[in-house]
């Protein structure tokens, strides 16, 4: 009697090795940038997305987030809300908001 072979996929012998080497946060990072690095570095390393070639982009990603959140916090602290900050301002007088928006846009684009 002939046995029919099942078409089940064989397990790969070449499993992807998960990087356990999580790079240290740059010394000059502080505040929100440092927190974002510490939050994302283990996740990116686990997914093998932090090779030497990736580190510069990852550093910039964390810096954009840190800049945006620092600017956001400063506007909220001084004016209570973004709307409060924008009241009576125009594109010539809202530098903090424009810098915040630019940093968040860059951060978001890097994640896509």
PDB file of N, CA and C in Angstrom:
ATOM      1  N   UNK A   1       0.838  -1.174   0.000  1.00  0.00           N
ATOM      2  CA  UNK A   1       0.000   0.000   0.000  1.00  0.00           C
ATOM      3  C   UNK A   1       0.894   1.251   0.000  1.00  0.00           C
ATOM      4  N   UNK A   2       0.643   2.202  -0.898  1.00  0.00           N
ATOM      5  CA  UNK A   2       1.417   3.434  -0.996  1.00  0.00           C
ATOM      6  C   UNK A   2       0.919   4.452   0.022  1.00  0.00           C
ATOM      7  N   UNK A   3       1.870   5.033   0.716  1.00  0.00           N
ATOM      8  CA  UNK A   3       1.515   6.098   1.662  1.00  0.00           C
ATOM      9  C   UNK A   3       1.610   7.434   0.944  1.00  0.00           C
ATOM     10  N   UNK A   4       0.684   8.285   1.206  1.00  0.00           N
ATOM     11  CA  UNK A   4       0.686   9.630   0.617  1.00  0.00           C
ATOM     12  C   UNK A   4       1.412  10.562   1.580  1.00  0.00           C
ATOM     13  N   UNK A   5       2.393  11.281   1.052  1.00  0.00           N
ATOM     14  CA  UNK A   5       3.118  12.246   1.883  1.00  0.00           C
ATOM     15  C   UNK A   5       2.258  13.477   2.106  1.00  0.00           C
ATOM     16  N   UNK A   6       2.275  13.927   3.313  1.00  0.00           N
ATOM     17  CA  UNK A   6       1.547  15.168   3.609  1.00  0.00           C
ATOM     18  C   UNK A   6       2.393  16.350   3.153  1.00  0.00           C
ATOM     19  N   UNK A   7       1.726  17.374   2.712  1.00  0.00           N
ATOM     20  CA  UNK A   7       2.416  18.591   2.293  1.00  0.00           C
ATOM     21  C   UNK A   7       2.526  19.572   3.452  1.00  0.00           C
ATOM     22  N   UNK A   8       3.159  19.155   4.501  1.00  0.00           N
ATOM     23  CA  UNK A   8       3.342  20.059   5.627  1.00  0.00           C
ATOM     24  C   UNK A   8       4.712  20.692   5.505  1.00  0.00           C
ATOM     25  N   UNK A   9       4.798  21.981   5.777  1.00  0.00           N
ATOM     26  CA  UNK A   9       6.096  22.650   5.674  1.00  0.00           C
ATOM     27  C   UNK A   9       7.069  22.109   6.716  1.00  0.00           C
ATOM     28  N   UNK A  10       8.307  21.958   6.310  1.00  0.00           N
ATOM     29  CA  UNK A  10       9.343  21.512   7.240  1.00  0.00           C
ATOM     30  C   UNK A  10       9.831  22.702   8.044  1.00  0.00           C
ATOM     31  N   UNK A  11      10.201  22.433   9.267  1.00  0.00           N
ATOM     32  CA  UNK A  11      10.733  23.497  10.113  1.00  0.00           C
ATOM     33  C   UNK A  11      12.118  23.877   9.606  1.00  0.00           C
ATOM     34  N   UNK A  12      12.326  25.158   9.526  1.00  0.00           N
ATOM     35  CA  UNK A  12      13.612  25.664   9.052  1.00  0.00           C
ATOM     36  C   UNK A  12      14.689  25.412  10.102  1.00  0.00           C
ATOM     37  N   UNK A  13      15.840  24.951   9.646  1.00  0.00           N
ATOM     38  CA  UNK A  13      16.966  24.751  10.549  1.00  0.00           C
ATOM     39  C   UNK A  13      17.709  26.058  10.775  1.00  0.00           C
ATOM     40  N   UNK A  14      17.514  27.022   9.879  1.00  0.00           N
ATOM     41  CA  UNK A  14      18.187  28.317   9.965  1.00  0.00           C
ATOM     42  C   UNK A  14      17.272  29.339  10.625  1.00  0.00           C
ATOM     43  N   UNK A  15      17.122  29.227  11.916  1.00  0.00           N
ATOM     44  CA  UNK A  15      16.270  30.179  12.625  1.00  0.00           C
ATOM     45  C   UNK A  15      16.982  31.518  12.737  1.00  0.00           C
ATOM     46  N   UNK A  16      16.204  32.568  12.650  1.00  0.00           N
ATOM     47  CA  UNK A  16      16.765  33.902  12.794  1.00  0.00           C
ATOM     48  C   UNK A  16      17.182  34.101  14.243  1.00  0.00           C
ATOM     49  N   UNK A  17      18.400  34.496  14.428  1.00  0.00           N
ATOM     50  CA  UNK A  17      18.918  34.713  15.774  1.00  0.00           C
ATOM     51  C   UNK A  17      18.484  36.102  16.252  1.00  0.00           C
ATOM     52  N   UNK A  18      17.875  36.121  17.411  1.00  0.00           N
ATOM     53  CA  UNK A  18      17.426  37.397  17.976  1.00  0.00           C
ATOM     54  C   UNK A  18      18.618  38.071  18.646  1.00  0.00           C
ATOM     55  N   UNK A  19      18.806  39.326  18.307  1.00  0.00           N
ATOM     56  CA  UNK A  19      19.916  40.085  18.866  1.00  0.00           C
ATOM     57  C   UNK A  19      19.629  40.400  20.329  1.00  0.00           C
ATOM     58  N   UNK A  20      20.536  40.012  21.178  1.00  0.00           N
ATOM     59  CA  UNK A  20      20.412  40.337  22.599  1.00  0.00           C
ATOM     60  C   UNK A  20      21.238  41.575  22.929  1.00  0.00           C
ATOM     61  N   UNK A  21      21.937  42.097  21.939  1.00  0.00           N
ATOM     62  CA  UNK A  21      22.779  43.266  22.147  1.00  0.00           C
ATOM     63  C   UNK A  21      21.967  44.533  21.952  1.00  0.00           C
ATOM     64  N   UNK A  22      21.541  45.085  23.045  1.00  0.00           N
ATOM     65  CA  UNK A  22      20.785  46.335  22.983  1.00  0.00           C
ATOM     66  C   UNK A  22      21.782  47.466  23.196  1.00  0.00           C
ATOM     67  N   UNK A  23      21.916  48.346  22.208  1.00  0.00           N
ATOM     68  CA  UNK A  23      22.891  49.426  22.332  1.00  0.00           C
ATOM     69  C   UNK A  23      22.529  50.384  23.466  1.00  0.00           C
ATOM     70  N   UNK A  24      23.559  50.887  24.100  1.00  0.00           N
ATOM     71  CA  UNK A  24      23.348  51.858  25.171  1.00  0.00           C
ATOM     72  C   UNK A  24      22.884  53.184  24.588  1.00  0.00           C
ATOM     73  N   UNK A  25      22.061  53.849  25.346  1.00  0.00           N
ATOM     74  CA  UNK A  25      21.574  55.171  24.960  1.00  0.00           C
ATOM     75  C   UNK A  25      22.760  56.139  24.933  1.00  0.00           C
ATOM     76  N   UNK A  26      22.833  57.004  23.917  1.00  0.00           N
ATOM     77  CA  UNK A  26      23.918  57.996  23.888  1.00  0.00           C
ATOM     78  C   UNK A  26      23.922  58.842  25.165  1.00  0.00           C
ATOM     79  N   UNK A  27      25.112  59.162  25.635  1.00  0.00           N
ATOM     80  CA  UNK A  27      25.257  59.906  26.893  1.00  0.00           C
ATOM     81  C   UNK A  27      24.580  61.271  26.869  1.00  0.00           C
ATOM     82  N   UNK A  28      24.552  61.912  25.712  1.00  0.00           N
ATOM     83  CA  UNK A  28      23.986  63.257  25.657  1.00  0.00           C
ATOM     84  C   UNK A  28      22.456  63.273  25.626  1.00  0.00           C
ATOM     85  N   UNK A  29      21.832  62.120  25.501  1.00  0.00           N
ATOM     86  CA  UNK A  29      20.366  62.057  25.533  1.00  0.00           C
ATOM     87  C   UNK A  29      19.888  62.358  26.952  1.00  0.00           C
ATOM     88  N   UNK A  30      18.755  63.028  27.041  1.00  0.00           N
ATOM     89  CA  UNK A  30      18.123  63.224  28.339  1.00  0.00           C
ATOM     90  C   UNK A  30      16.613  63.277  28.151  1.00  0.00           C
ATOM     91  N   UNK A  31      15.903  63.285  29.223  1.00  0.00           N
ATOM     92  CA  UNK A  31      14.455  63.443  29.188  1.00  0.00           C
ATOM     93  C   UNK A  31      13.730  62.483  28.274  1.00  0.00           C
ATOM     94  N   UNK A  32      12.878  63.061  27.433  1.00  0.00           N
ATOM     95  CA  UNK A  32      12.012  62.273  26.559  1.00  0.00           C
ATOM     96  C   UNK A  32      12.788  61.429  25.545  1.00  0.00           C
ATOM     97  N   UNK A  33      13.888  61.937  25.020  1.00  0.00           N
ATOM     98  CA  UNK A  33      14.679  61.176  24.047  1.00  0.00           C
ATOM     99  C   UNK A  33      15.242  59.910  24.692  1.00  0.00           C
ATOM    100  N   UNK A  34      15.745  60.041  25.907  1.00  0.00           N
ATOM    101  CA  UNK A  34      16.291  58.887  26.638  1.00  0.00           C
ATOM    102  C   UNK A  34      15.182  57.873  26.931  1.00  0.00           C
ATOM    103  N   UNK A  35      14.028  58.367  27.375  1.00  0.00           N
ATOM    104  CA  UNK A  35      12.909  57.467  27.675  1.00  0.00           C
ATOM    105  C   UNK A  35      12.470  56.708  26.422  1.00  0.00           C
ATOM    106  N   UNK A  36      12.423  57.386  25.285  1.00  0.00           N
ATOM    107  CA  UNK A  36      12.014  56.737  24.043  1.00  0.00           C
ATOM    108  C   UNK A  36      13.050  55.692  23.634  1.00  0.00           C
ATOM    109  N   UNK A  37      14.332  56.000  23.773  1.00  0.00           N
ATOM    110  CA  UNK A  37      15.389  55.035  23.460  1.00  0.00           C
ATOM    111  C   UNK A  37      15.219  53.790  24.325  1.00  0.00           C
ATOM    112  N   UNK A  38      15.058  53.997  25.624  1.00  0.00           N
ATOM    113  CA  UNK A  38      14.935  52.870  26.551  1.00  0.00           C
ATOM    114  C   UNK A  38      13.669  52.054  26.293  1.00  0.00           C
ATOM    115  N   UNK A  39      12.627  52.710  25.800  1.00  0.00           N
ATOM    116  CA  UNK A  39      11.377  52.014  25.481  1.00  0.00           C
ATOM    117  C   UNK A  39      11.501  51.195  24.184  1.00  0.00           C
ATOM    118  N   UNK A  40      12.063  51.815  23.154  1.00  0.00           N
ATOM    119  CA  UNK A  40      12.067  51.178  21.833  1.00  0.00           C
ATOM    120  C   UNK A  40      13.273  50.290  21.541  1.00  0.00           C
ATOM    121  N   UNK A  41      14.424  50.568  22.129  1.00  0.00           N
ATOM    122  CA  UNK A  41      15.632  49.800  21.805  1.00  0.00           C
ATOM    123  C   UNK A  41      15.443  48.295  22.013  1.00  0.00           C
ATOM    124  N   UNK A  42      14.868  47.843  23.128  1.00  0.00           N
ATOM    125  CA  UNK A  42      14.676  46.393  23.270  1.00  0.00           C
ATOM    126  C   UNK A  42      13.735  45.810  22.212  1.00  0.00           C
ATOM    127  N   UNK A  43      12.711  46.547  21.843  1.00  0.00           N
ATOM    128  CA  UNK A  43      11.754  46.082  20.839  1.00  0.00           C
ATOM    129  C   UNK A  43      12.421  45.991  19.476  1.00  0.00           C
ATOM    130  N   UNK A  44      13.142  47.046  19.090  1.00  0.00           N
ATOM    131  CA  UNK A  44      13.828  47.048  17.801  1.00  0.00           C
ATOM    132  C   UNK A  44      14.911  45.968  17.762  1.00  0.00           C
ATOM    133  N   UNK A  45      15.631  45.781  18.866  1.00  0.00           N
ATOM    134  CA  UNK A  45      16.686  44.762  18.913  1.00  0.00           C
ATOM    135  C   UNK A  45      16.087  43.368  18.770  1.00  0.00           C
ATOM    136  N   UNK A  46      14.980  43.128  19.424  1.00  0.00           N
ATOM    137  CA  UNK A  46      14.322  41.821  19.337  1.00  0.00           C
ATOM    138  C   UNK A  46      13.905  41.503  17.906  1.00  0.00           C
ATOM    139  N   UNK A  47      13.538  42.534  17.157  1.00  0.00           N
ATOM    140  CA  UNK A  47      13.109  42.357  15.772  1.00  0.00           C
ATOM    141  C   UNK A  47      14.283  42.480  14.793  1.00  0.00           C
ATOM    142  N   UNK A  48      15.493  42.494  15.330  1.00  0.00           N
ATOM    143  CA  UNK A  48      16.717  42.625  14.521  1.00  0.00           C
ATOM    144  C   UNK A  48      16.703  43.888  13.661  1.00  0.00           C
ATOM    145  N   UNK A  49      16.267  44.970  14.242  1.00  0.00           N
ATOM    146  CA  UNK A  49      16.187  46.239  13.516  1.00  0.00           C
ATOM    147  C   UNK A  49      17.186  47.272  14.055  1.00  0.00           C
ATOM    148  N   UNK A  50      18.204  46.806  14.773  1.00  0.00           N
ATOM    149  CA  UNK A  50      19.193  47.736  15.315  1.00  0.00           C
ATOM    150  C   UNK A  50      20.616  47.304  14.974  1.00  0.00           C
ATOM    151  N   UNK A  51      20.858  47.129  13.703  1.00  0.00           N
ATOM    152  CA  UNK A  51      22.227  46.841  13.285  1.00  0.00           C
ATOM    153  C   UNK A  51      23.022  48.151  13.331  1.00  0.00           C
ATOM    154  N   UNK A  52      24.306  48.068  13.097  1.00  0.00           N
ATOM    155  CA  UNK A  52      25.128  49.285  13.086  1.00  0.00           C
ATOM    156  C   UNK A  52      24.606  50.287  12.061  1.00  0.00           C
ATOM    157  N   UNK A  53      24.098  49.783  10.947  1.00  0.00           N
ATOM    158  CA  UNK A  53      23.569  50.663   9.899  1.00  0.00           C
ATOM    159  C   UNK A  53      22.289  51.366  10.339  1.00  0.00           C
ATOM    160  N   UNK A  54      21.570  50.780  11.283  1.00  0.00           N
ATOM    161  CA  UNK A  54      20.294  51.350  11.736  1.00  0.00           C
ATOM    162  C   UNK A  54      20.446  52.355  12.865  1.00  0.00           C
ATOM    163  N   UNK A  55      21.567  52.341  13.561  1.00  0.00           N
ATOM    164  CA  UNK A  55      21.697  53.136  14.783  1.00  0.00           C
ATOM    165  C   UNK A  55      21.554  54.637  14.576  1.00  0.00           C
ATOM    166  N   UNK A  56      22.106  55.172  13.509  1.00  0.00           N
ATOM    167  CA  UNK A  56      21.992  56.625  13.281  1.00  0.00           C
ATOM    168  C   UNK A  56      20.545  57.039  13.096  1.00  0.00           C
ATOM    169  N   UNK A  57      19.807  56.278  12.302  1.00  0.00           N
ATOM    170  CA  UNK A  57      18.389  56.594  12.088  1.00  0.00           C
ATOM    171  C   UNK A  57      17.596  56.431  13.378  1.00  0.00           C
ATOM    172  N   UNK A  58      17.906  55.401  14.153  1.00  0.00           N
ATOM    173  CA  UNK A  58      17.213  55.189  15.424  1.00  0.00           C
ATOM    174  C   UNK A  58      17.501  56.336  16.391  1.00  0.00           C
ATOM    175  N   UNK A  59      18.734  56.800  16.388  1.00  0.00           N
ATOM    176  CA  UNK A  59      19.115  57.927  17.232  1.00  0.00           C
ATOM    177  C   UNK A  59      18.310  59.179  16.852  1.00  0.00           C
ATOM    178  N   UNK A  60      18.216  59.448  15.563  1.00  0.00           N
ATOM    179  CA  UNK A  60      17.459  60.611  15.092  1.00  0.00           C
ATOM    180  C   UNK A  60      15.972  60.466  15.435  1.00  0.00           C
ATOM    181  N   UNK A  61      15.453  59.253  15.300  1.00  0.00           N
ATOM    182  CA  UNK A  61      14.056  58.993  15.649  1.00  0.00           C
ATOM    183  C   UNK A  61      13.788  59.388  17.099  1.00  0.00           C
ATOM    184  N   UNK A  62      14.636  58.942  18.002  1.00  0.00           N
ATOM    185  CA  UNK A  62      14.462  59.258  19.421  1.00  0.00           C
ATOM    186  C   UNK A  62      14.656  60.751  19.698  1.00  0.00           C
ATOM    187  N   UNK A  63      15.603  61.364  19.004  1.00  0.00           N
ATOM    188  CA  UNK A  63      15.828  62.805  19.184  1.00  0.00           C
ATOM    189  C   UNK A  63      14.628  63.626  18.720  1.00  0.00           C
ATOM    190  N   UNK A  64      14.036  63.269  17.584  1.00  0.00           N
ATOM    191  CA  UNK A  64      12.846  63.983  17.108  1.00  0.00           C
ATOM    192  C   UNK A  64      11.721  63.887  18.131  1.00  0.00           C
ATOM    193  N   UNK A  65      11.524  62.697  18.663  1.00  0.00           N
ATOM    194  CA  UNK A  65      10.481  62.518  19.681  1.00  0.00           C
ATOM    195  C   UNK A  65      10.794  63.372  20.913  1.00  0.00           C
ATOM    196  N   UNK A  66      12.041  63.328  21.355  1.00  0.00           N
ATOM    197  CA  UNK A  66      12.438  64.104  22.529  1.00  0.00           C
ATOM    198  C   UNK A  66      12.245  65.600  22.331  1.00  0.00           C
ATOM    199  N   UNK A  67      12.643  66.095  21.165  1.00  0.00           N
ATOM    200  CA  UNK A  67      12.463  67.524  20.864  1.00  0.00           C
ATOM    201  C   UNK A  67      10.987  67.896  20.869  1.00  0.00           C
ATOM    202  N   UNK A  68      10.179  67.085  20.197  1.00  0.00           N
ATOM    203  CA  UNK A  68       8.750  67.376  20.101  1.00  0.00           C
ATOM    204  C   UNK A  68       8.101  67.401  21.473  1.00  0.00           C
ATOM    205  N   UNK A  69       8.402  66.433  22.291  1.00  0.00           N
ATOM    206  CA  UNK A  69       7.764  66.364  23.603  1.00  0.00           C
ATOM    207  C   UNK A  69       8.251  67.457  24.539  1.00  0.00           C
ATOM    208  N   UNK A  70       9.507  67.846  24.435  1.00  0.00           N
ATOM    209  CA  UNK A  70      10.021  68.955  25.250  1.00  0.00           C
ATOM    210  C   UNK A  70       9.325  70.257  24.870  1.00  0.00           C
ATOM    211  N   UNK A  71       9.169  70.490  23.571  1.00  0.00           N
ATOM    212  CA  UNK A  71       8.471  71.690  23.108  1.00  0.00           C
ATOM    213  C   UNK A  71       7.002  71.662  23.526  1.00  0.00           C
ATOM    214  N   UNK A  72       6.363  70.526  23.402  1.00  0.00           N
ATOM    215  CA  UNK A  72       4.962  70.374  23.796  1.00  0.00           C
ATOM    216  C   UNK A  72       4.808  70.678  25.287  1.00  0.00           C
ATOM    217  N   UNK A  73       5.671  70.100  26.100  1.00  0.00           N
ATOM    218  CA  UNK A  73       5.600  70.321  27.538  1.00  0.00           C
ATOM    219  C   UNK A  73       5.785  71.809  27.884  1.00  0.00           C
ATOM    220  N   UNK A  74       6.716  72.460  27.208  1.00  0.00           N
ATOM    221  CA  UNK A  74       6.951  73.881  27.469  1.00  0.00           C
ATOM    222  C   UNK A  74       5.725  74.720  27.109  1.00  0.00           C
ATOM    223  N   UNK A  75       5.070  74.409  25.974  1.00  0.00           N
ATOM    224  CA  UNK A  75       3.877  75.166  25.571  1.00  0.00           C
ATOM    225  C   UNK A  75       2.725  74.934  26.547  1.00  0.00           C
ATOM    226  N   UNK A  76       2.544  73.698  26.977  1.00  0.00           N
ATOM    227  CA  UNK A  76       1.461  73.378  27.913  1.00  0.00           C
ATOM    228  C   UNK A  76       1.720  74.040  29.266  1.00  0.00           C
ATOM    229  N   UNK A  77       2.953  73.989  29.720  1.00  0.00           N
ATOM    230  CA  UNK A  77       3.304  74.581  31.015  1.00  0.00           C
ATOM    231  C   UNK A  77       3.050  76.086  31.021  1.00  0.00           C
ATOM    232  N   UNK A  78       3.421  76.752  29.939  1.00  0.00           N
ATOM    233  CA  UNK A  78       3.300  78.213  29.870  1.00  0.00           C
ATOM    234  C   UNK A  78       1.882  78.681  29.549  1.00  0.00           C
ATOM    235  N   UNK A  79       1.182  77.957  28.675  1.00  0.00           N
ATOM    236  CA  UNK A  79      -0.108  78.447  28.168  1.00  0.00           C
ATOM    237  C   UNK A  79      -1.294  77.537  28.477  1.00  0.00           C
ATOM    238  N   UNK A  80      -1.062  76.398  29.120  1.00  0.00           N
ATOM    239  CA  UNK A  80      -2.154  75.515  29.515  1.00  0.00           C
ATOM    240  C   UNK A  80      -2.623  74.547  28.443  1.00  0.00           C
ATOM    241  N   UNK A  81      -2.440  74.890  27.186  1.00  0.00           N
ATOM    242  CA  UNK A  81      -2.847  74.026  26.080  1.00  0.00           C
ATOM    243  C   UNK A  81      -2.212  74.549  24.793  1.00  0.00           C
ATOM    244  N   UNK A  82      -2.274  73.738  23.762  1.00  0.00           N
ATOM    245  CA  UNK A  82      -1.789  74.188  22.450  1.00  0.00           C
ATOM    246  C   UNK A  82      -2.664  75.331  21.966  1.00  0.00           C
ATOM    247  N   UNK A  83      -3.965  75.217  22.188  1.00  0.00           N
ATOM    248  CA  UNK A  83      -4.883  76.294  21.778  1.00  0.00           C
ATOM    249  C   UNK A  83      -4.534  77.593  22.487  1.00  0.00           C
ATOM    250  N   UNK A  84      -4.222  77.501  23.779  1.00  0.00           N
ATOM    251  CA  UNK A  84      -3.817  78.700  24.528  1.00  0.00           C
ATOM    252  C   UNK A  84      -2.549  79.303  23.963  1.00  0.00           C
ATOM    253  N   UNK A  85      -1.609  78.469  23.575  1.00  0.00           N
ATOM    254  CA  UNK A  85      -0.370  78.948  22.983  1.00  0.00           C
ATOM    255  C   UNK A  85      -0.637  79.645  21.654  1.00  0.00           C
ATOM    256  N   UNK A  86      -1.528  79.078  20.843  1.00  0.00           N
ATOM    257  CA  UNK A  86      -1.780  79.622  19.508  1.00  0.00           C
ATOM    258  C   UNK A  86      -2.625  80.890  19.507  1.00  0.00           C
ATOM    259  N   UNK A  87      -3.334  81.151  20.583  1.00  0.00           N
ATOM    260  CA  UNK A  87      -4.211  82.316  20.651  1.00  0.00           C
ATOM    261  C   UNK A  87      -3.427  83.606  20.385  1.00  0.00           C
ATOM    262  N   UNK A  88      -3.857  84.343  19.386  1.00  0.00           N
ATOM    263  CA  UNK A  88      -3.247  85.627  19.050  1.00  0.00           C
ATOM    264  C   UNK A  88      -1.912  85.518  18.329  1.00  0.00           C
ATOM    265  N   UNK A  89      -1.545  84.358  17.889  1.00  0.00           N
ATOM    266  CA  UNK A  89      -0.266  84.187  17.202  1.00  0.00           C
ATOM    267  C   UNK A  89      -0.488  83.960  15.716  1.00  0.00           C
ATOM    268  N   UNK A  90       0.581  84.211  14.962  1.00  0.00           N
ATOM    269  CA  UNK A  90       0.560  83.886  13.537  1.00  0.00           C
ATOM    270  C   UNK A  90       1.837  83.117  13.219  1.00  0.00           C
ATOM    271  N   UNK A  91       2.042  82.781  11.969  1.00  0.00           N
ATOM    272  CA  UNK A  91       3.192  81.958  11.603  1.00  0.00           C
ATOM    273  C   UNK A  91       4.532  82.595  11.955  1.00  0.00           C
ATOM    274  N   UNK A  92       4.541  83.903  12.156  1.00  0.00           N
ATOM    275  CA  UNK A  92       5.778  84.591  12.509  1.00  0.00           C
ATOM    276  C   UNK A  92       6.048  84.566  14.008  1.00  0.00           C
ATOM    277  N   UNK A  93       5.013  84.279  14.792  1.00  0.00           N
ATOM    278  CA  UNK A  93       5.173  84.371  16.247  1.00  0.00           C
ATOM    279  C   UNK A  93       4.896  83.051  16.973  1.00  0.00           C
ATOM    280  N   UNK A  94       4.900  81.949  16.253  1.00  0.00           N
ATOM    281  CA  UNK A  94       4.662  80.665  16.918  1.00  0.00           C
ATOM    282  C   UNK A  94       5.770  79.660  16.617  1.00  0.00           C
ATOM    283  N   UNK A  95       6.986  80.086  16.861  1.00  0.00           N
ATOM    284  CA  UNK A  95       8.157  79.262  16.571  1.00  0.00           C
ATOM    285  C   UNK A  95       8.175  77.937  17.298  1.00  0.00           C
ATOM    286  N   UNK A  96       7.773  77.928  18.582  1.00  0.00           N
ATOM    287  CA  UNK A  96       7.778  76.675  19.335  1.00  0.00           C
ATOM    288  C   UNK A  96       6.835  75.663  18.712  1.00  0.00           C
ATOM    289  N   UNK A  97       5.645  76.130  18.304  1.00  0.00           N
ATOM    290  CA  UNK A  97       4.678  75.215  17.717  1.00  0.00           C
ATOM    291  C   UNK A  97       5.174  74.682  16.373  1.00  0.00           C
ATOM    292  N   UNK A  98       5.762  75.547  15.570  1.00  0.00           N
ATOM    293  CA  UNK A  98       6.276  75.097  14.274  1.00  0.00           C
ATOM    294  C   UNK A  98       7.400  74.075  14.448  1.00  0.00           C
ATOM    295  N   UNK A  99       8.279  74.303  15.429  1.00  0.00           N
ATOM    296  CA  UNK A  99       9.354  73.350  15.702  1.00  0.00           C
ATOM    297  C   UNK A  99       8.783  72.032  16.222  1.00  0.00           C
ATOM    298  N   UNK A 100       7.787  72.117  17.106  1.00  0.00           N
ATOM    299  CA  UNK A 100       7.116  70.916  17.627  1.00  0.00           C
ATOM    300  C   UNK A 100       6.493  70.120  16.482  1.00  0.00           C
ATOM    301  N   UNK A 101       5.751  70.811  15.630  1.00  0.00           N
ATOM    302  CA  UNK A 101       5.072  70.161  14.507  1.00  0.00           C
ATOM    303  C   UNK A 101       6.081  69.506  13.566  1.00  0.00           C
ATOM    304  N   UNK A 102       7.173  70.194  13.302  1.00  0.00           N
ATOM    305  CA  UNK A 102       8.201  69.649  12.409  1.00  0.00           C
ATOM    306  C   UNK A 102       8.835  68.398  13.014  1.00  0.00           C
ATOM    307  N   UNK A 103       9.114  68.418  14.303  1.00  0.00           N
ATOM    308  CA  UNK A 103       9.704  67.250  14.967  1.00  0.00           C
ATOM    309  C   UNK A 103       8.747  66.066  14.969  1.00  0.00           C
ATOM    310  N   UNK A 104       7.478  66.306  15.253  1.00  0.00           N
ATOM    311  CA  UNK A 104       6.503  65.214  15.268  1.00  0.00           C
ATOM    312  C   UNK A 104       6.287  64.650  13.870  1.00  0.00           C
ATOM    313  N   UNK A 105       6.286  65.510  12.876  1.00  0.00           N
ATOM    314  CA  UNK A 105       6.123  65.048  11.500  1.00  0.00           C
ATOM    315  C   UNK A 105       7.311  64.163  11.100  1.00  0.00           C
ATOM    316  N   UNK A 106       8.517  64.605  11.431  1.00  0.00           N
ATOM    317  CA  UNK A 106       9.711  63.813  11.110  1.00  0.00           C
ATOM    318  C   UNK A 106       9.697  62.485  11.851  1.00  0.00           C
ATOM    319  N   UNK A 107       9.312  62.501  13.122  1.00  0.00           N
ATOM    320  CA  UNK A 107       9.235  61.272  13.921  1.00  0.00           C
ATOM    321  C   UNK A 107       8.247  60.295  13.293  1.00  0.00           C
ATOM    322  N   UNK A 108       7.067  60.798  12.946  1.00  0.00           N
ATOM    323  CA  UNK A 108       6.029  59.946  12.374  1.00  0.00           C
ATOM    324  C   UNK A 108       6.456  59.361  11.032  1.00  0.00           C
ATOM    325  N   UNK A 109       7.078  60.177  10.185  1.00  0.00           N
ATOM    326  CA  UNK A 109       7.535  59.693   8.881  1.00  0.00           C
ATOM    327  C   UNK A 109       8.582  58.600   9.019  1.00  0.00           C
ATOM    328  N   UNK A 110       9.413  58.694  10.040  1.00  0.00           N
ATOM    329  CA  UNK A 110      10.453  57.684  10.223  1.00  0.00           C
ATOM    330  C   UNK A 110       9.858  56.338  10.654  1.00  0.00           C
ATOM    331  N   UNK A 111       8.690  56.370  11.263  1.00  0.00           N
ATOM    332  CA  UNK A 111       8.066  55.130  11.705  1.00  0.00           C
ATOM    333  C   UNK A 111       7.330  54.409  10.578  1.00  0.00           C
ATOM    334  N   UNK A 112       7.033  55.120   9.531  1.00  0.00           N
ATOM    335  CA  UNK A 112       6.263  54.521   8.436  1.00  0.00           C
ATOM    336  C   UNK A 112       7.151  53.692   7.550  1.00  0.00           C
TER     337      UNK A 112
END
